[in-house]
Structure formats: structure tokens, C-alpha cells
């Protein structure tokens, strides 16, 4: 991702959507642009979304692709995880263009342009804004990093299962299945 410009300090100053075919986020008042996702990235996002939706049917949670979350108003931070999980109550009560606060579960699929520093910042921002867990999927290595609200983390490889933890007890998917597409 690349920083494209500093913007104002209010949500109204965030020029979204911009109509340029690029995903935009705001991190501490800085507008960040990312090129459109490649198809391999979309397939991995879809694999985790489908696994979550199958598990969540009939439960009080929603799995959502590419939703925007206002993580902070001061400084302004708006992030858009590839997939997120929200309680049904929050999902149904959010009518504005952005959801306030972090999703209960934020999931990021790493793109070639993502730097380690950018990813660490996103993880920090999600957790500081109230996320209960953050999952980061690494297509090149086939690993998943899982971070809890207590800032503990673990790394899973293709031989292991990604489990729902405190947010989604009983959810389980083979890590290898997420990258099989």
C-alpha cells in the first residue's frame, strides 16, 4: 500500500468512494491506496468467507467481505479488512456507510505490496479499537497468524486447523483448504 495524501481530521473529509478502482483506507489521517486485488487474493478471501458463512448459518454472527470500519476519529482511521465478522446486533444496527469500532474478528489476506510494518499497524489498530481476534493469511507461505485481544499470537501452518477461538467456538477449517484455491 502507498500513502497518497494527508486528509482532514473528520470522517466527512474522507473522500470515499473515489471512483478510481482503488481501495482506500485512512490510517491516522493519512489516505492509503492499494491496487485492485489479484484473483488469487480474491480466491483466498472467498475461501475463508465461505467457510465462515457455512459455520455462521443460524447463529448470531455475520461474515462480511470488504466492509469499512471507523477504528478511530482522533486521529481518523478507517480500515477495510478483506473479511470481517460482526455480531448480528451490530450488523443490524449499522445503517451508515461505516461501522463504528473494530469488527469482533478482522481477517486480512496479505498482498504482495503489504509491508510488515503496514500489517503490524493494521493489527494494532484493530485490537486497540476492540477486535477480539485478528487473523492474517499469508498466501506465499500458506501460514495464518492469529492474534487475540490480549495481544497473544500464534502461527499456523498447512498441517494445522484454524479454529474460531473466543469469537467463534466450534469453528474449524484446515489451513491448507484456505490456500487450495
N, C-alpha and C. Protein backbone atom coordinates (compact mmCIF):
# COMPACT_ATOMS: atom_id res chain seq x y z
N UNK A 1 0.84 -1.18 0.00
CA UNK A 1 0.00 0.00 0.00
C UNK A 1 0.88 1.23 0.00
N UNK A 2 0.33 2.30 -0.51
CA UNK A 2 1.09 3.54 -0.52
C UNK A 2 0.24 4.68 0.02
N UNK A 3 0.89 5.56 0.75
CA UNK A 3 0.21 6.74 1.26
C UNK A 3 0.05 7.71 0.10
N UNK A 4 -1.18 8.16 -0.13
CA UNK A 4 -1.40 9.05 -1.26
C UNK A 4 -1.54 10.50 -0.85
N UNK A 5 -2.03 10.75 0.36
CA UNK A 5 -2.21 12.14 0.78
C UNK A 5 -2.64 12.21 2.23
N UNK A 6 -2.36 13.32 2.84
CA UNK A 6 -2.93 13.60 4.14
C UNK A 6 -4.32 14.17 3.90
N UNK A 7 -5.26 13.80 4.73
CA UNK A 7 -6.61 14.33 4.58
C UNK A 7 -7.00 15.03 5.87
N UNK A 8 -8.19 15.55 5.88
CA UNK A 8 -8.67 16.24 7.08
C UNK A 8 -8.85 15.29 8.24
N UNK A 9 -9.26 15.83 9.35
CA UNK A 9 -9.37 15.05 10.58
C UNK A 9 -10.77 14.56 10.90
N UNK A 10 -11.72 14.72 9.98
CA UNK A 10 -13.07 14.25 10.26
C UNK A 10 -13.47 13.21 9.22
N UNK A 11 -14.46 12.43 9.57
CA UNK A 11 -14.95 11.41 8.66
C UNK A 11 -15.50 12.02 7.38
N UNK A 12 -16.06 13.22 7.49
CA UNK A 12 -16.60 13.90 6.31
C UNK A 12 -15.51 14.29 5.32
N UNK A 13 -14.26 14.39 5.81
CA UNK A 13 -13.14 14.74 4.94
C UNK A 13 -12.62 13.55 4.14
N UNK A 14 -13.08 12.36 4.48
CA UNK A 14 -12.62 11.15 3.82
C UNK A 14 -13.35 11.02 2.49
N UNK A 15 -12.66 11.20 1.35
CA UNK A 15 -13.31 11.22 0.03
C UNK A 15 -13.56 9.82 -0.52
N UNK A 16 -14.58 9.15 0.00
CA UNK A 16 -14.82 7.78 -0.39
C UNK A 16 -16.26 7.63 -0.86
N UNK A 17 -16.56 6.90 -1.90
CA UNK A 17 -15.61 6.28 -2.82
C UNK A 17 -15.04 7.30 -3.80
N UNK A 18 -13.88 7.00 -4.30
CA UNK A 18 -13.19 7.96 -5.17
C UNK A 18 -13.38 7.66 -6.65
N UNK A 19 -13.91 6.48 -6.97
CA UNK A 19 -14.19 6.16 -8.36
C UNK A 19 -12.97 5.88 -9.20
N UNK A 20 -11.84 5.55 -8.55
CA UNK A 20 -10.62 5.30 -9.31
C UNK A 20 -10.25 3.82 -9.36
N UNK A 21 -11.14 2.93 -8.88
CA UNK A 21 -10.88 1.50 -8.93
C UNK A 21 -9.86 1.02 -7.91
N UNK A 22 -9.55 1.84 -6.95
CA UNK A 22 -8.54 1.52 -5.95
C UNK A 22 -9.20 1.51 -4.58
N UNK A 23 -8.81 0.55 -3.73
CA UNK A 23 -9.30 0.52 -2.35
C UNK A 23 -8.59 1.60 -1.55
N UNK A 24 -9.35 2.34 -0.76
CA UNK A 24 -8.78 3.40 0.06
C UNK A 24 -9.09 3.16 1.53
N UNK A 25 -8.10 3.41 2.36
CA UNK A 25 -8.27 3.38 3.80
C UNK A 25 -7.62 4.64 4.35
N UNK A 26 -7.89 4.93 5.62
CA UNK A 26 -7.24 6.06 6.28
C UNK A 26 -6.57 5.52 7.53
N UNK A 27 -5.30 5.85 7.68
CA UNK A 27 -4.55 5.44 8.87
C UNK A 27 -3.98 6.69 9.52
N UNK A 28 -4.50 7.02 10.70
CA UNK A 28 -4.04 8.20 11.45
C UNK A 28 -4.02 9.45 10.57
N UNK A 29 -5.11 9.65 9.82
CA UNK A 29 -5.25 10.85 9.00
C UNK A 29 -4.55 10.81 7.65
N UNK A 30 -3.91 9.69 7.32
CA UNK A 30 -3.24 9.54 6.03
C UNK A 30 -4.07 8.65 5.11
N UNK A 31 -4.38 9.15 3.91
CA UNK A 31 -5.12 8.36 2.93
C UNK A 31 -4.17 7.34 2.32
N UNK A 32 -4.59 6.08 2.34
CA UNK A 32 -3.77 4.99 1.83
C UNK A 32 -4.51 4.34 0.68
N UNK A 33 -3.81 4.09 -0.41
CA UNK A 33 -4.40 3.46 -1.58
C UNK A 33 -3.73 2.11 -1.83
N UNK A 34 -4.52 1.17 -2.30
CA UNK A 34 -4.00 -0.15 -2.65
C UNK A 34 -4.51 -0.51 -4.03
N UNK A 35 -3.68 -1.15 -4.84
CA UNK A 35 -4.16 -1.56 -6.16
C UNK A 35 -5.24 -2.62 -6.03
N UNK A 36 -6.05 -2.80 -7.06
CA UNK A 36 -7.08 -3.84 -7.00
C UNK A 36 -6.45 -5.20 -6.72
N UNK A 37 -7.20 -6.03 -6.00
CA UNK A 37 -6.70 -7.36 -5.62
C UNK A 37 -6.57 -8.25 -6.84
N UNK A 38 -5.53 -9.09 -6.82
CA UNK A 38 -5.37 -10.10 -7.87
C UNK A 38 -6.32 -11.25 -7.58
N UNK A 39 -6.59 -12.04 -8.59
CA UNK A 39 -7.59 -13.08 -8.46
C UNK A 39 -7.22 -14.12 -7.41
N UNK A 40 -5.94 -14.44 -7.25
CA UNK A 40 -5.53 -15.40 -6.23
C UNK A 40 -5.88 -14.89 -4.84
N UNK A 41 -5.75 -13.60 -4.62
CA UNK A 41 -6.09 -12.96 -3.35
C UNK A 41 -7.60 -13.07 -3.11
N UNK A 42 -8.38 -12.84 -4.14
CA UNK A 42 -9.84 -12.91 -4.05
C UNK A 42 -10.28 -14.34 -3.73
N UNK A 43 -9.63 -15.34 -4.33
CA UNK A 43 -9.99 -16.73 -4.07
C UNK A 43 -9.77 -17.11 -2.61
N UNK A 44 -8.68 -16.63 -2.02
CA UNK A 44 -8.40 -16.93 -0.61
C UNK A 44 -9.42 -16.22 0.28
N UNK A 45 -9.72 -14.97 -0.03
CA UNK A 45 -10.74 -14.24 0.73
C UNK A 45 -12.08 -14.96 0.65
N UNK A 46 -12.42 -15.44 -0.52
CA UNK A 46 -13.68 -16.15 -0.72
C UNK A 46 -13.68 -17.48 0.05
N UNK A 47 -12.56 -18.18 0.08
CA UNK A 47 -12.48 -19.45 0.80
C UNK A 47 -12.76 -19.26 2.29
N UNK A 48 -12.17 -18.26 2.91
CA UNK A 48 -12.41 -18.03 4.34
C UNK A 48 -13.84 -17.52 4.56
N UNK A 49 -14.32 -16.66 3.66
CA UNK A 49 -15.69 -16.16 3.78
C UNK A 49 -16.71 -17.30 3.69
N UNK A 50 -16.54 -18.20 2.72
CA UNK A 50 -17.47 -19.32 2.56
C UNK A 50 -17.42 -20.26 3.77
N UNK A 51 -16.22 -20.52 4.30
CA UNK A 51 -16.09 -21.39 5.48
C UNK A 51 -16.82 -20.76 6.67
N UNK A 52 -16.64 -19.47 6.84
CA UNK A 52 -17.29 -18.78 7.94
C UNK A 52 -18.81 -18.75 7.76
N UNK A 53 -19.27 -18.45 6.55
CA UNK A 53 -20.71 -18.38 6.32
C UNK A 53 -21.40 -19.72 6.56
N UNK A 54 -20.74 -20.81 6.19
CA UNK A 54 -21.31 -22.14 6.44
C UNK A 54 -21.45 -22.37 7.95
N UNK A 55 -20.45 -21.99 8.70
CA UNK A 55 -20.49 -22.15 10.16
C UNK A 55 -21.52 -21.22 10.81
N UNK A 56 -21.64 -20.01 10.30
CA UNK A 56 -22.47 -18.99 10.95
C UNK A 56 -23.97 -19.11 10.67
N UNK A 57 -24.36 -19.93 9.70
CA UNK A 57 -25.79 -20.07 9.41
C UNK A 57 -26.55 -20.44 10.67
N UNK A 58 -27.56 -19.65 10.98
CA UNK A 58 -28.38 -19.91 12.15
C UNK A 58 -27.77 -19.40 13.46
N UNK A 59 -26.64 -18.72 13.38
CA UNK A 59 -26.01 -18.18 14.58
C UNK A 59 -26.16 -16.65 14.57
N UNK A 60 -25.80 -16.04 15.67
CA UNK A 60 -25.96 -14.58 15.81
C UNK A 60 -24.74 -13.80 15.34
N UNK A 61 -24.15 -14.20 14.25
CA UNK A 61 -22.98 -13.53 13.70
C UNK A 61 -23.13 -13.42 12.19
N UNK A 62 -22.41 -12.46 11.60
CA UNK A 62 -22.41 -12.28 10.14
C UNK A 62 -20.96 -12.18 9.67
N UNK A 63 -20.62 -12.88 8.60
CA UNK A 63 -19.33 -12.74 7.93
C UNK A 63 -19.53 -11.82 6.74
N UNK A 64 -18.67 -10.81 6.62
CA UNK A 64 -18.88 -9.75 5.64
C UNK A 64 -17.59 -9.50 4.86
N UNK A 65 -17.68 -9.39 3.54
CA UNK A 65 -16.49 -9.03 2.77
C UNK A 65 -16.35 -7.52 2.64
N UNK A 66 -15.13 -7.04 2.75
CA UNK A 66 -14.75 -5.66 2.39
C UNK A 66 -15.60 -4.55 3.01
N UNK A 67 -16.01 -4.69 4.25
CA UNK A 67 -16.76 -3.62 4.93
C UNK A 67 -15.78 -2.61 5.54
N UNK A 68 -16.22 -1.37 5.67
CA UNK A 68 -15.38 -0.31 6.23
C UNK A 68 -15.73 -0.06 7.69
N UNK A 69 -14.68 0.11 8.50
CA UNK A 69 -14.83 0.32 9.94
C UNK A 69 -14.07 1.58 10.37
N UNK A 70 -14.75 2.44 11.12
CA UNK A 70 -14.09 3.61 11.69
C UNK A 70 -13.48 3.14 13.00
N UNK A 71 -12.16 2.99 13.00
CA UNK A 71 -11.46 2.50 14.18
C UNK A 71 -11.13 3.62 15.15
N UNK A 72 -11.00 4.83 14.63
CA UNK A 72 -10.68 5.98 15.48
C UNK A 72 -11.11 7.25 14.76
N UNK A 73 -11.62 8.19 15.54
CA UNK A 73 -11.94 9.51 14.98
C UNK A 73 -10.80 10.49 15.23
N UNK A 74 -9.96 10.20 16.19
CA UNK A 74 -8.85 11.11 16.53
C UNK A 74 -7.61 10.31 16.86
N UNK A 75 -6.68 10.14 15.95
CA UNK A 75 -6.74 10.58 14.55
C UNK A 75 -7.63 9.65 13.73
N UNK A 76 -8.16 10.16 12.65
CA UNK A 76 -9.08 9.40 11.82
C UNK A 76 -8.40 8.15 11.27
N UNK A 77 -9.04 7.01 11.52
CA UNK A 77 -8.56 5.74 10.99
C UNK A 77 -9.76 4.93 10.53
N UNK A 78 -9.80 4.62 9.24
CA UNK A 78 -10.86 3.82 8.63
C UNK A 78 -10.19 2.66 7.92
N UNK A 79 -10.51 1.44 8.34
CA UNK A 79 -9.90 0.25 7.75
C UNK A 79 -10.96 -0.64 7.13
N UNK A 80 -10.53 -1.45 6.16
CA UNK A 80 -11.43 -2.32 5.42
C UNK A 80 -10.80 -3.71 5.33
N UNK A 81 -11.04 -4.56 6.34
CA UNK A 81 -10.48 -5.91 6.26
C UNK A 81 -11.07 -6.68 5.09
N UNK A 82 -10.33 -7.65 4.59
CA UNK A 82 -10.83 -8.45 3.48
C UNK A 82 -12.11 -9.18 3.86
N UNK A 83 -12.15 -9.69 5.08
CA UNK A 83 -13.34 -10.35 5.62
C UNK A 83 -13.43 -9.94 7.08
N UNK A 84 -14.64 -9.77 7.57
CA UNK A 84 -14.82 -9.46 8.98
C UNK A 84 -16.03 -10.21 9.50
N UNK A 85 -16.08 -10.36 10.82
CA UNK A 85 -17.21 -10.99 11.47
C UNK A 85 -17.75 -10.03 12.52
N UNK A 86 -19.05 -9.80 12.43
CA UNK A 86 -19.76 -8.91 13.36
C UNK A 86 -20.90 -9.67 14.02
N UNK A 87 -21.23 -9.28 15.23
CA UNK A 87 -22.43 -9.83 15.85
C UNK A 87 -23.64 -9.36 15.03
N UNK A 88 -24.66 -10.16 15.02
CA UNK A 88 -25.88 -9.80 14.27
C UNK A 88 -26.44 -8.47 14.78
N UNK A 89 -26.38 -8.24 16.10
CA UNK A 89 -26.88 -6.99 16.69
C UNK A 89 -26.15 -5.80 16.09
N UNK A 90 -24.82 -5.84 16.02
CA UNK A 90 -24.07 -4.72 15.43
C UNK A 90 -24.34 -4.61 13.94
N UNK A 91 -24.42 -5.74 13.26
CA UNK A 91 -24.69 -5.73 11.83
C UNK A 91 -26.01 -5.05 11.52
N UNK A 92 -27.05 -5.41 12.26
CA UNK A 92 -28.38 -4.87 12.00
C UNK A 92 -28.53 -3.42 12.46
N UNK A 93 -27.73 -2.98 13.41
CA UNK A 93 -27.85 -1.61 13.90
C UNK A 93 -26.95 -0.63 13.15
N UNK A 94 -26.14 -1.13 12.23
CA UNK A 94 -25.26 -0.26 11.46
C UNK A 94 -25.93 0.10 10.14
N UNK A 95 -26.37 1.35 10.02
CA UNK A 95 -27.05 1.79 8.82
C UNK A 95 -26.24 2.80 8.03
N UNK A 96 -25.22 3.35 8.63
CA UNK A 96 -24.40 4.36 7.98
C UNK A 96 -23.44 3.67 7.01
N UNK A 97 -22.63 4.44 6.33
CA UNK A 97 -21.70 3.87 5.36
C UNK A 97 -20.51 3.19 6.02
N UNK A 98 -20.30 3.41 7.31
CA UNK A 98 -19.19 2.78 8.03
C UNK A 98 -19.69 2.27 9.36
N UNK A 99 -19.09 1.19 9.81
CA UNK A 99 -19.40 0.65 11.13
C UNK A 99 -18.43 1.27 12.13
N UNK A 100 -18.94 1.71 13.26
CA UNK A 100 -18.07 2.30 14.28
C UNK A 100 -17.40 1.21 15.11
N UNK A 101 -16.11 1.35 15.31
CA UNK A 101 -15.34 0.37 16.07
C UNK A 101 -14.89 -0.78 15.19
N UNK A 102 -14.03 -1.60 15.75
CA UNK A 102 -13.50 -2.74 15.00
C UNK A 102 -14.52 -3.86 14.94
N UNK A 103 -14.42 -4.70 13.92
CA UNK A 103 -15.25 -5.91 13.93
C UNK A 103 -14.76 -6.82 15.05
N UNK A 104 -15.60 -7.73 15.49
CA UNK A 104 -15.16 -8.68 16.50
C UNK A 104 -14.00 -9.52 15.99
N UNK A 105 -14.03 -9.84 14.70
CA UNK A 105 -12.95 -10.59 14.05
C UNK A 105 -12.60 -9.90 12.74
N UNK A 106 -11.34 -9.50 12.59
CA UNK A 106 -10.86 -8.89 11.34
C UNK A 106 -9.92 -9.89 10.67
N UNK A 107 -10.10 -10.07 9.36
CA UNK A 107 -9.27 -11.02 8.61
C UNK A 107 -8.64 -10.29 7.43
N UNK A 108 -7.33 -10.37 7.36
CA UNK A 108 -6.57 -9.75 6.28
C UNK A 108 -5.86 -10.84 5.49
N UNK A 109 -5.92 -10.73 4.16
CA UNK A 109 -5.15 -11.59 3.27
C UNK A 109 -4.00 -10.73 2.76
N UNK A 110 -2.78 -11.17 3.00
CA UNK A 110 -1.60 -10.37 2.66
C UNK A 110 -1.42 -10.30 1.15
N UNK A 111 -1.22 -9.09 0.66
CA UNK A 111 -0.94 -8.84 -0.76
C UNK A 111 0.55 -8.61 -0.94
N UNK A 112 1.06 -8.79 -2.15
CA UNK A 112 2.49 -8.57 -2.38
C UNK A 112 2.98 -7.18 -1.98
N UNK A 113 2.12 -6.18 -2.06
CA UNK A 113 2.53 -4.81 -1.73
C UNK A 113 2.47 -4.47 -0.25
N UNK A 114 1.96 -5.39 0.59
CA UNK A 114 1.85 -5.13 2.02
C UNK A 114 3.21 -5.27 2.68
N UNK A 115 3.61 -4.27 3.43
CA UNK A 115 4.86 -4.36 4.19
C UNK A 115 4.55 -4.91 5.58
N UNK A 116 5.57 -5.45 6.23
CA UNK A 116 5.41 -5.96 7.59
C UNK A 116 4.95 -4.84 8.52
N UNK A 117 5.49 -3.64 8.32
CA UNK A 117 5.12 -2.51 9.17
C UNK A 117 3.64 -2.15 9.00
N UNK A 118 3.16 -2.15 7.75
CA UNK A 118 1.74 -1.85 7.49
C UNK A 118 0.84 -2.88 8.15
N UNK A 119 1.21 -4.16 8.05
CA UNK A 119 0.40 -5.22 8.64
C UNK A 119 0.38 -5.11 10.16
N UNK A 120 1.53 -4.86 10.76
CA UNK A 120 1.58 -4.71 12.21
C UNK A 120 0.73 -3.54 12.67
N UNK A 121 0.76 -2.45 11.91
CA UNK A 121 -0.04 -1.29 12.25
C UNK A 121 -1.53 -1.62 12.18
N UNK A 122 -1.95 -2.32 11.12
CA UNK A 122 -3.35 -2.71 10.99
C UNK A 122 -3.79 -3.59 12.16
N UNK A 123 -2.98 -4.58 12.49
CA UNK A 123 -3.29 -5.48 13.60
C UNK A 123 -3.46 -4.67 14.88
N UNK A 124 -2.52 -3.77 15.14
CA UNK A 124 -2.57 -2.92 16.32
C UNK A 124 -3.84 -2.08 16.33
N UNK A 125 -4.15 -1.47 15.19
CA UNK A 125 -5.34 -0.62 15.11
C UNK A 125 -6.62 -1.42 15.36
N UNK A 126 -6.73 -2.61 14.78
CA UNK A 126 -7.91 -3.44 15.01
C UNK A 126 -8.05 -3.78 16.49
N UNK A 127 -6.96 -4.25 17.10
CA UNK A 127 -7.02 -4.67 18.51
C UNK A 127 -7.28 -3.49 19.44
N UNK A 128 -6.64 -2.35 19.18
CA UNK A 128 -6.88 -1.18 20.03
C UNK A 128 -8.30 -0.66 19.90
N UNK A 129 -8.93 -0.91 18.74
CA UNK A 129 -10.31 -0.46 18.53
C UNK A 129 -11.34 -1.48 19.01
N UNK A 130 -10.87 -2.59 19.60
CA UNK A 130 -11.80 -3.52 20.21
C UNK A 130 -11.98 -4.87 19.55
N UNK A 131 -11.23 -5.18 18.51
CA UNK A 131 -11.35 -6.50 17.89
C UNK A 131 -10.99 -7.57 18.92
N UNK A 132 -11.71 -8.67 18.90
CA UNK A 132 -11.41 -9.77 19.80
C UNK A 132 -10.33 -10.68 19.23
N UNK A 133 -10.28 -10.75 17.89
CA UNK A 133 -9.23 -11.51 17.20
C UNK A 133 -8.95 -10.88 15.86
N UNK A 134 -7.72 -11.11 15.39
CA UNK A 134 -7.30 -10.72 14.04
C UNK A 134 -6.60 -11.93 13.44
N UNK A 135 -7.03 -12.30 12.23
CA UNK A 135 -6.38 -13.38 11.50
C UNK A 135 -5.70 -12.77 10.28
N UNK A 136 -4.45 -13.15 10.04
CA UNK A 136 -3.71 -12.67 8.88
C UNK A 136 -3.28 -13.90 8.07
N UNK A 137 -3.73 -13.98 6.82
CA UNK A 137 -3.43 -15.10 5.95
C UNK A 137 -2.30 -14.72 4.99
N UNK A 138 -1.27 -15.56 4.92
CA UNK A 138 -0.10 -15.31 4.09
C UNK A 138 -0.08 -16.29 2.92
N UNK A 139 -0.54 -15.86 1.73
CA UNK A 139 -0.61 -16.77 0.59
C UNK A 139 0.74 -17.37 0.18
N UNK A 140 1.82 -16.61 0.24
CA UNK A 140 3.12 -17.12 -0.23
C UNK A 140 3.63 -18.26 0.64
N UNK A 141 3.38 -18.21 1.94
CA UNK A 141 3.89 -19.25 2.83
C UNK A 141 2.83 -20.26 3.24
N UNK A 142 1.57 -19.93 3.03
CA UNK A 142 0.49 -20.81 3.45
C UNK A 142 0.30 -20.82 4.96
N UNK A 143 0.72 -19.76 5.62
CA UNK A 143 0.58 -19.64 7.07
C UNK A 143 -0.57 -18.69 7.43
N UNK A 144 -1.06 -18.87 8.65
CA UNK A 144 -2.05 -17.96 9.22
C UNK A 144 -1.52 -17.52 10.58
N UNK A 145 -1.50 -16.22 10.81
CA UNK A 145 -1.16 -15.68 12.13
C UNK A 145 -2.46 -15.28 12.81
N UNK A 146 -2.62 -15.70 14.05
CA UNK A 146 -3.82 -15.42 14.83
C UNK A 146 -3.41 -14.57 16.03
N UNK A 147 -4.10 -13.45 16.21
CA UNK A 147 -3.84 -12.55 17.33
C UNK A 147 -5.10 -12.42 18.16
N UNK A 148 -4.95 -12.56 19.48
CA UNK A 148 -6.07 -12.39 20.39
C UNK A 148 -6.11 -11.00 20.96
N UNK A 149 -7.22 -10.65 21.60
CA UNK A 149 -7.39 -9.33 22.20
C UNK A 149 -6.34 -9.06 23.27
N UNK A 150 -5.79 -10.13 23.84
CA UNK A 150 -4.75 -9.97 24.85
C UNK A 150 -3.36 -9.85 24.21
N UNK A 151 -3.32 -9.70 22.90
CA UNK A 151 -2.10 -9.49 22.10
C UNK A 151 -1.26 -10.75 21.98
N UNK A 152 -1.78 -11.89 22.41
CA UNK A 152 -1.04 -13.12 22.19
C UNK A 152 -1.23 -13.54 20.74
N UNK A 153 -0.26 -14.23 20.21
CA UNK A 153 -0.36 -14.65 18.83
C UNK A 153 0.17 -16.05 18.64
N UNK A 154 -0.23 -16.64 17.54
CA UNK A 154 0.31 -17.95 17.16
C UNK A 154 0.33 -18.04 15.65
N UNK A 155 1.18 -18.89 15.15
CA UNK A 155 1.32 -19.10 13.71
C UNK A 155 0.90 -20.52 13.39
N UNK A 156 0.02 -20.65 12.40
CA UNK A 156 -0.46 -21.95 11.96
C UNK A 156 0.08 -22.25 10.58
N UNK A 157 0.43 -23.52 10.34
CA UNK A 157 0.90 -23.91 9.00
C UNK A 157 -0.14 -24.81 8.35
N UNK A 158 0.18 -25.31 7.16
CA UNK A 158 -0.78 -26.07 6.35
C UNK A 158 -1.21 -27.37 7.00
N UNK A 159 -0.49 -27.86 8.00
CA UNK A 159 -0.85 -29.12 8.65
C UNK A 159 -1.83 -28.91 9.81
N UNK A 160 -2.15 -27.66 10.11
CA UNK A 160 -2.98 -27.36 11.27
C UNK A 160 -4.37 -26.87 10.88
N UNK A 161 -5.21 -26.71 11.89
CA UNK A 161 -6.56 -26.19 11.68
C UNK A 161 -6.65 -24.80 12.32
N UNK A 162 -7.34 -23.92 11.61
CA UNK A 162 -7.68 -22.60 12.13
C UNK A 162 -8.98 -22.75 12.88
N UNK A 163 -8.98 -22.41 14.16
CA UNK A 163 -10.17 -22.57 14.97
C UNK A 163 -10.70 -21.21 15.40
N UNK A 164 -11.99 -21.16 15.70
CA UNK A 164 -12.68 -19.91 15.97
C UNK A 164 -12.37 -19.23 17.28
N UNK A 165 -11.75 -19.92 18.19
CA UNK A 165 -11.36 -19.30 19.45
C UNK A 165 -12.52 -18.72 20.22
N UNK A 166 -12.28 -17.58 20.88
CA UNK A 166 -13.29 -16.96 21.73
C UNK A 166 -14.45 -16.36 20.93
N UNK A 167 -14.20 -15.98 19.70
CA UNK A 167 -15.24 -15.35 18.90
C UNK A 167 -16.20 -16.39 18.32
N UNK A 168 -15.65 -17.46 17.77
CA UNK A 168 -16.47 -18.46 17.07
C UNK A 168 -16.16 -19.87 17.58
N UNK A 169 -16.51 -20.18 18.82
CA UNK A 169 -16.21 -21.52 19.34
C UNK A 169 -16.85 -22.60 18.48
N UNK A 170 -16.08 -23.62 18.18
CA UNK A 170 -16.57 -24.72 17.35
C UNK A 170 -16.24 -24.57 15.88
N UNK A 171 -15.87 -23.37 15.43
CA UNK A 171 -15.48 -23.19 14.04
C UNK A 171 -14.10 -23.80 13.84
N UNK A 172 -13.92 -24.49 12.72
CA UNK A 172 -12.63 -25.07 12.40
C UNK A 172 -12.52 -25.27 10.90
N UNK A 173 -11.37 -24.93 10.34
CA UNK A 173 -11.10 -25.15 8.92
C UNK A 173 -9.62 -25.47 8.77
N UNK A 174 -9.31 -26.42 7.90
CA UNK A 174 -7.92 -26.74 7.65
C UNK A 174 -7.25 -25.55 6.97
N UNK A 175 -6.09 -25.16 7.47
CA UNK A 175 -5.36 -24.05 6.88
C UNK A 175 -5.09 -24.34 5.40
N UNK A 176 -4.75 -25.58 5.08
CA UNK A 176 -4.46 -25.93 3.69
C UNK A 176 -5.66 -25.68 2.77
N UNK A 177 -6.88 -25.84 3.30
CA UNK A 177 -8.09 -25.60 2.50
C UNK A 177 -8.23 -24.14 2.10
N UNK A 178 -7.75 -23.24 2.93
CA UNK A 178 -7.86 -21.82 2.63
C UNK A 178 -7.00 -21.41 1.45
N UNK A 179 -5.90 -22.13 1.25
CA UNK A 179 -4.97 -21.76 0.18
C UNK A 179 -5.05 -22.72 -1.01
N UNK A 180 -5.97 -23.68 -0.98
CA UNK A 180 -6.09 -24.68 -2.04
C UNK A 180 -6.59 -24.08 -3.35
N UNK A 181 -7.34 -23.01 -3.26
CA UNK A 181 -7.92 -22.40 -4.47
C UNK A 181 -6.82 -21.81 -5.29
